[in-house]
Amino acid sequence: MNRQNRTLWVSLLLLATCGTISRAEEPAVKDLPATLTQIQSAIKSSGAKWVAGETSLSRLSRKDWQHRVGLGFAPIKAPRLLMMAAPQATPASVDWRANNGNFVTGVRDQGQCGSCWAFSLTGALESYVLLTQNKPGTELSLSEQVLISCGGAGSCNGGQLDASYLKSTGLPPADYYPYTATNGSCSTAKPGWKTHTYKIGTWGSVDKNLDAIKSALATYGPLPIAFYVYEDFMHYKSGVYAYTTGKELGGHGVLLVGYNDAEKYFIVKNSWGPNWGENGFFRIAYSQMSTSVNFGLSTIAYHSGQSTQMMSMQKAAAHHISADETLQLIEPFLQQRP
């Protein structure tokens, strides 16, 4: 079986297993203190570096937990991004919340709707607008509901990291169609919303390897990204998450906003409200790319459509890297010249 067919087969399997929400009623954790003790013991024995405790989601039912995920891993319908930068030229750390300003908008709450995919895509669009317009610190809020009700990439039963609608149509400010945590109807949006949309130039897929994801994040800004959620993650309070115990709940789309090479973790914006995790964010170990968590299984990036050479040169300027490092970024293009 070739790589393309194998990827398609796995993607279809994932769509069948985690692209929809289970309707079977499952009880909430019956003995939360005992469950937390078990997780804390597993964290200690595994050497993981995160804190488990009661969160805003800890006492929900399993059905409610499954409403908090809902991503289908379909093949990404976009060209693969070719990241030309040498790994050593990528900054040792990036945090778009504090990178010559804050280019990450506030944490939202998807509620009891499997719309994580929409919050991932919309959060990335908000950051894209702040970056392209150079307006750090602006609290832009665009309409996830328009994406759910009009966009065709999914519903409250799950969806895909497909940004086609953001390129062709875009999203208006949230007040044109406030979030309802339902599938809704496109006709409910306020008249004239299509003349007030924000769009992306284009988008592409990012390879599932650490260097490619770091380079794409440093170059293009926050990235829609996906992974598998397990039961222990519902009790995440702080620290660098690594899976320890519990059953899989499903695929989950989030927004990658940073990384740290010294401590080997990613920084991620979730859509479970600001009272969960680290003020709505979490950190996750690089190692979780190669475990059953499969962090980075689906990753995309938005960009203006400029050439990779231009984006690489902009990256050099944005991060104030040295002349030698800048040469490493553009040398592949120089070698290609006749």
Protein backbone atom coordinates (compact mmCIF):
# COMPACT_ATOMS: atom_id res chain seq x y z
CA MET A 1 0.00 0.00 0.00
CA ASN A 2 1.55 3.32 -1.04
CA ARG A 3 1.79 6.30 1.29
CA GLN A 4 -1.11 8.23 -0.29
CA ASN A 5 -3.53 5.30 -0.07
CA ARG A 6 -2.44 4.50 3.46
CA THR A 7 -3.04 8.11 4.53
CA LEU A 8 -6.49 8.10 2.90
CA TRP A 9 -7.41 4.80 4.59
CA VAL A 10 -6.35 6.07 8.02
CA SER A 11 -8.17 9.36 7.46
CA LEU A 12 -11.42 7.62 6.53
CA LEU A 13 -11.12 5.38 9.56
CA LEU A 14 -10.64 8.41 11.79
CA LEU A 15 -13.63 10.15 10.26
CA ALA A 16 -15.71 7.10 11.07
CA THR A 17 -14.50 6.83 14.65
CA CYS A 18 -13.99 10.40 15.88
CA GLY A 19 -15.68 12.75 13.43
CA THR A 20 -19.03 12.32 15.16
CA ILE A 21 -20.22 12.65 18.73
CA SER A 22 -21.31 9.61 20.64
CA ARG A 23 -24.94 9.80 21.71
CA ALA A 24 -24.61 7.01 24.29
CA GLU A 25 -25.00 8.30 27.82
CA GLU A 26 -21.89 7.62 29.87
CA PRO A 27 -21.56 8.44 33.56
CA ALA A 28 -19.25 11.15 34.82
CA VAL A 29 -16.25 10.14 36.92
CA LYS A 30 -17.83 8.44 39.91
CA ASP A 31 -15.03 9.06 42.38
CA LEU A 32 -13.12 12.16 41.27
CA PRO A 33 -10.63 12.26 44.19
CA ALA A 34 -9.65 8.64 43.53
CA THR A 35 -9.36 9.28 39.79
CA LEU A 36 -7.16 12.32 40.36
CA THR A 37 -4.97 10.34 42.76
CA GLN A 38 -4.57 7.65 40.09
CA ILE A 39 -3.59 10.21 37.45
CA GLN A 40 -1.20 11.99 39.80
CA SER A 41 0.45 8.66 40.61
CA ALA A 42 0.80 7.88 36.89
CA ILE A 43 2.33 11.32 36.30
CA LYS A 44 4.88 10.74 39.04
CA SER A 45 5.81 7.23 37.94
CA SER A 46 6.20 8.27 34.29
CA GLY A 47 8.29 11.34 35.09
CA ALA A 48 5.81 13.65 33.35
CA LYS A 49 5.89 17.34 34.30
CA TRP A 50 2.27 18.40 34.62
CA VAL A 51 -0.29 18.90 37.35
CA ALA A 52 -3.65 17.12 37.43
CA GLY A 53 -6.54 18.43 39.48
CA GLU A 54 -10.19 19.31 39.33
CA THR A 55 -10.95 21.50 36.31
CA SER A 56 -14.05 23.07 34.84
CA LEU A 57 -14.57 19.82 32.89
CA SER A 58 -13.68 17.22 35.53
CA ARG A 59 -17.24 16.54 36.71
CA LEU A 60 -18.90 16.38 33.30
CA SER A 61 -20.19 13.13 31.82
CA ARG A 62 -18.24 11.22 29.21
CA LYS A 63 -20.82 12.32 26.64
CA ASP A 64 -20.13 15.94 27.56
CA TRP A 65 -16.40 15.29 27.27
CA GLN A 66 -16.91 13.96 23.76
CA HIS A 67 -18.80 17.12 22.86
CA ARG A 68 -15.56 18.97 23.60
CA VAL A 69 -13.74 17.19 20.78
CA GLY A 70 -15.03 16.30 17.33
CA LEU A 71 -12.35 16.50 14.65
CA GLY A 72 -12.24 14.32 11.55
CA PHE A 73 -8.78 13.73 10.11
CA ALA A 74 -9.58 13.89 6.39
CA PRO A 75 -6.81 14.32 3.84
CA ILE A 76 -5.87 18.02 3.76
CA LYS A 77 -7.06 19.66 0.53
CA ALA A 78 -4.15 22.05 0.14
CA PRO A 79 -0.62 21.99 -1.27
CA ARG A 80 2.17 20.94 1.03
CA LEU A 81 4.19 23.89 2.32
CA LEU A 82 7.88 23.65 1.48
CA MET A 83 9.78 25.07 4.45
CA MET A 84 13.15 26.18 3.10
CA ALA A 85 14.66 27.45 6.34
CA ALA A 86 17.49 25.45 7.85
CA PRO A 87 16.52 24.04 11.29
CA GLN A 88 19.38 25.89 13.00
CA ALA A 89 17.98 29.20 11.72
CA THR A 90 14.64 28.69 13.49
CA PRO A 91 14.45 30.63 16.79
CA ALA A 92 14.98 28.60 19.97
CA SER A 93 11.59 29.74 21.23
CA VAL A 94 8.51 31.49 19.89
CA ASP A 95 5.41 32.75 21.69
CA TRP A 96 3.05 34.76 19.52
CA ARG A 97 1.43 36.18 22.67
CA ALA A 98 4.65 38.11 23.27
CA ASN A 99 6.52 38.42 19.96
CA ASN A 100 6.92 42.17 19.50
CA GLY A 101 3.33 42.31 20.71
CA ASN A 102 0.43 39.93 21.28
CA PHE A 103 -0.94 38.39 18.09
CA VAL A 104 -3.20 35.82 19.81
CA THR A 105 -6.81 36.69 20.55
CA GLY A 106 -8.73 35.68 23.68
CA VAL A 107 -9.69 32.15 24.63
CA ARG A 108 -13.23 31.14 23.63
CA ASP A 109 -15.49 28.32 24.85
CA GLN A 110 -17.00 25.95 22.30
CA GLY A 111 -19.48 24.61 24.86
CA GLN A 112 -21.39 21.39 24.21
CA CYS A 113 -20.74 21.35 20.47
CA GLY A 114 -18.07 19.39 18.61
CA SER A 115 -16.82 22.56 16.93
CA CYS A 116 -13.19 22.58 18.03
CA TRP A 117 -12.22 22.58 14.34
CA ALA A 118 -14.07 25.89 13.82
CA PHE A 119 -12.39 27.55 16.81
CA SER A 120 -8.99 26.34 15.62
CA LEU A 121 -9.52 27.75 12.12
CA THR A 122 -11.11 30.99 13.34
CA GLY A 123 -8.46 31.63 15.99
CA ALA A 124 -5.78 31.27 13.33
CA LEU A 125 -7.64 33.71 11.06
CA GLU A 126 -7.83 36.27 13.87
CA SER A 127 -4.07 35.97 14.42
CA TYR A 128 -3.47 36.17 10.65
CA VAL A 129 -5.39 39.45 10.49
CA LEU A 130 -3.46 40.92 13.43
CA LEU A 131 -0.16 39.90 11.85
CA THR A 132 -0.89 41.04 8.29
CA GLN A 133 -2.30 44.37 9.51
CA ASN A 134 0.39 44.69 12.21
CA LYS A 135 -2.17 45.31 14.95
CA PRO A 136 -0.88 43.43 18.01
CA GLY A 137 -3.08 43.51 21.09
CA THR A 138 -6.30 44.00 19.10
CA GLU A 139 -9.11 41.86 20.48
CA LEU A 140 -10.61 40.78 17.20
CA SER A 141 -13.52 38.33 17.47
CA LEU A 142 -14.70 36.69 14.26
CA SER A 143 -17.76 34.47 13.79
CA GLU A 144 -17.16 30.77 14.39
CA GLN A 145 -20.90 30.36 13.85
CA VAL A 146 -20.69 31.53 10.24
CA LEU A 147 -17.97 28.95 9.65
CA ILE A 148 -20.12 26.21 11.23
CA SER A 149 -23.42 27.18 9.57
CA CYS A 150 -22.15 28.32 6.16
CA GLY A 151 -18.64 26.97 5.62
CA GLY A 152 -19.22 23.29 4.81
CA ALA A 153 -16.17 21.98 6.70
CA GLY A 154 -18.15 20.52 9.59
CA SER A 155 -20.81 20.93 12.23
CA CYS A 156 -21.41 20.29 15.93
CA ASN A 157 -20.83 16.64 15.04
CA GLY A 158 -17.20 17.33 14.13
CA GLY A 159 -15.29 18.78 11.22
CA GLN A 160 -11.98 19.14 9.40
CA LEU A 161 -9.07 21.56 9.32
CA ASP A 162 -10.06 22.80 5.89
CA ALA A 163 -9.54 26.54 5.35
CA SER A 164 -11.02 26.72 1.83
CA TYR A 165 -13.97 28.83 3.01
CA LEU A 166 -11.65 31.32 4.70
CA LYS A 167 -9.93 31.88 1.37
CA SER A 168 -13.05 32.07 -0.81
CA THR A 169 -15.47 33.89 1.52
CA GLY A 170 -13.94 34.66 4.91
CA LEU A 171 -15.57 35.40 8.25
CA PRO A 172 -17.24 38.57 9.56
CA PRO A 173 -17.03 39.94 13.12
CA ALA A 174 -18.84 37.73 15.62
CA ASP A 175 -21.78 40.10 16.09
CA TYR A 176 -22.98 39.29 12.54
CA TYR A 177 -23.75 35.78 13.81
CA PRO A 178 -22.94 35.21 17.51
CA TYR A 179 -21.93 31.73 18.59
CA THR A 180 -24.84 29.45 19.56
CA ALA A 181 -23.09 26.08 20.09
CA THR A 182 -25.53 24.60 17.55
CA ASN A 183 -25.40 23.87 13.84
CA GLY A 184 -27.57 26.91 13.20
CA SER A 185 -28.56 28.15 9.75
CA CYS A 186 -26.59 30.38 7.41
CA SER A 187 -29.74 32.39 6.73
CA THR A 188 -29.75 33.48 10.39
CA ALA A 189 -26.62 35.60 9.95
CA LYS A 190 -27.25 39.35 9.73
CA PRO A 191 -27.79 40.65 6.20
CA GLY A 192 -24.71 42.06 4.53
CA TRP A 193 -22.19 39.99 6.47
CA LYS A 194 -20.37 38.91 3.29
CA THR A 195 -19.25 42.49 2.67
CA HIS A 196 -17.52 42.63 6.06
CA THR A 197 -15.40 39.50 6.01
CA TYR A 198 -11.72 38.88 6.71
CA LYS A 199 -10.02 36.39 4.36
CA ILE A 200 -6.72 34.58 4.06
CA GLY A 201 -4.51 34.79 0.97
CA THR A 202 -3.98 31.04 0.73
CA TRP A 203 -3.13 28.06 2.91
CA GLY A 204 -1.15 24.84 2.90
CA SER A 205 -0.43 21.67 4.84
CA VAL A 206 2.56 21.33 7.16
CA ASP A 207 4.55 18.11 7.38
CA LYS A 208 4.27 16.17 10.63
CA ASN A 209 7.79 16.65 11.89
CA LEU A 210 9.14 18.94 14.58
CA ASP A 211 11.36 21.12 12.38
CA ALA A 212 8.62 21.73 9.81
CA ILE A 213 6.03 22.67 12.44
CA LYS A 214 8.42 24.99 14.28
CA SER A 215 9.53 26.65 11.05
CA ALA A 216 5.95 27.14 9.86
CA LEU A 217 4.93 28.61 13.21
CA ALA A 218 7.85 31.04 13.30
CA THR A 219 7.29 32.05 9.67
CA TYR A 220 3.53 32.24 9.30
CA GLY A 221 2.17 32.72 12.82
CA PRO A 222 -0.28 30.60 14.86
CA LEU A 223 -1.25 27.30 13.23
CA PRO A 224 -4.42 25.16 13.32
CA ILE A 225 -3.25 21.79 14.58
CA ALA A 226 -4.80 18.57 15.84
CA PHE A 227 -4.16 15.65 18.18
CA TYR A 228 -5.96 12.89 20.09
CA VAL A 229 -7.46 13.71 23.48
CA TYR A 230 -7.43 11.18 26.33
CA GLU A 231 -9.36 11.21 29.58
CA ASP A 232 -6.46 12.42 31.72
CA PHE A 233 -6.26 15.62 29.64
CA MET A 234 -9.66 16.72 30.94
CA HIS A 235 -8.02 17.16 34.36
CA TYR A 236 -5.01 19.19 33.12
CA LYS A 237 -4.26 22.15 35.39
CA SER A 238 -0.75 23.26 34.43
CA GLY A 239 2.69 22.14 33.30
CA VAL A 240 3.88 20.25 30.23
CA TYR A 241 1.31 17.63 29.34
CA ALA A 242 2.24 14.08 28.38
CA TYR A 243 -0.28 11.25 28.22
CA THR A 244 -0.34 9.01 31.29
CA THR A 245 -3.62 7.11 31.62
CA GLY A 246 -7.21 6.87 30.40
CA LYS A 247 -9.20 6.09 27.29
CA GLU A 248 -9.21 8.04 24.03
CA LEU A 249 -12.03 10.57 23.61
CA GLY A 250 -11.42 11.66 20.02
CA GLY A 251 -9.59 14.07 17.76
CA HIS A 252 -9.31 17.71 18.76
CA GLY A 253 -8.43 20.85 16.81
CA VAL A 254 -6.55 23.63 18.64
CA LEU A 255 -4.28 26.59 17.85
CA LEU A 256 -0.50 26.28 18.12
CA VAL A 257 0.92 29.62 19.30
CA GLY A 258 4.46 28.85 20.50
CA TYR A 259 7.24 26.43 21.34
CA ASN A 260 10.28 26.21 23.62
CA ASP A 261 13.34 24.17 22.64
CA ALA A 262 15.02 24.43 26.04
CA GLU A 263 12.16 22.65 27.78
CA LYS A 264 10.89 20.82 24.67
CA TYR A 265 7.25 21.83 24.62
CA PHE A 266 4.61 23.49 22.46
CA ILE A 267 2.28 26.28 23.67
CA VAL A 268 -1.33 25.81 22.58
CA LYS A 269 -4.58 27.78 22.76
CA ASN A 270 -7.60 25.61 23.55
CA SER A 271 -11.33 26.33 23.14
CA TRP A 272 -12.60 25.15 26.53
CA GLY A 273 -12.83 28.58 28.14
CA PRO A 274 -10.29 30.57 30.19
CA ASN A 275 -11.00 28.65 33.41
CA TRP A 276 -9.49 25.41 32.09
CA GLY A 277 -5.73 24.73 32.07
CA GLU A 278 -3.31 27.66 32.08
CA ASN A 279 -5.91 30.39 31.54
CA GLY A 280 -7.30 28.45 28.61
CA PHE A 281 -3.89 27.46 27.19
CA PHE A 282 -1.79 24.35 27.70
CA ARG A 283 1.74 23.20 27.10
CA ILE A 284 2.45 19.80 25.59
CA ALA A 285 5.74 17.92 25.26
CA TYR A 286 7.44 17.50 21.88
CA SER A 287 7.48 13.77 22.69
CA GLN A 288 3.70 13.62 22.20
CA MET A 289 4.20 13.85 18.45
CA SER A 290 5.35 10.22 18.51
CA THR A 291 2.90 8.70 20.99
CA SER A 292 -0.77 7.75 20.67
CA VAL A 293 -1.57 11.44 21.30
CA ASN A 294 -0.14 12.06 17.80
CA PHE A 295 0.22 15.80 18.26
CA GLY A 296 0.53 17.47 14.85
CA LEU A 297 -1.29 14.75 12.93
CA SER A 298 -3.07 17.50 10.99
CA THR A 299 -1.43 20.93 10.73
CA ILE A 300 -2.06 23.80 8.32
CA ALA A 301 -0.76 27.34 7.86
CA TYR A 302 -2.26 30.50 6.39
CA HIS A 303 -0.19 32.94 4.38
CA SER A 304 -0.63 35.88 2.06
CA GLY A 305 0.42 34.03 -1.06
CA GLN A 306 3.85 35.65 -1.22
CA SER A 307 6.78 33.51 -2.25
CA THR A 308 8.55 31.36 0.29
CA GLN A 309 11.67 33.44 -0.36
CA MET A 310 9.87 36.63 0.65
CA MET A 311 8.35 34.97 3.73
CA SER A 312 11.76 33.68 4.76
CA MET A 313 13.25 37.15 4.48
CA GLN A 314 10.35 38.58 6.50
CA LYS A 315 10.98 35.91 9.12
CA ALA A 316 14.61 37.01 9.36
CA ALA A 317 13.54 40.60 9.92
CA ALA A 318 10.82 39.70 12.44
CA HIS A 319 13.17 37.72 14.64
CA HIS A 320 16.23 39.93 14.22
CA ILE A 321 18.49 37.02 13.34
CA SER A 322 22.07 37.51 12.26
CA ALA A 323 23.37 37.99 8.74
CA ASP A 324 24.78 34.44 8.73
CA GLU A 325 21.40 33.03 9.78
CA THR A 326 19.65 35.13 7.16
CA LEU A 327 21.98 33.66 4.52
CA GLN A 328 20.99 30.18 5.68
CA LEU A 329 17.36 31.11 5.02
CA ILE A 330 17.84 32.39 1.47
CA GLU A 331 20.84 30.32 0.32
CA PRO A 332 18.64 27.56 -1.18
CA PHE A 333 17.08 30.16 -3.48
CA LEU A 334 20.45 31.58 -4.46
CA GLN A 335 21.65 28.10 -5.40
CA GLN A 336 18.61 27.65 -7.64
CA ARG A 337 19.39 30.75 -9.73
CA PRO A 338 20.81 30.12 -13.22
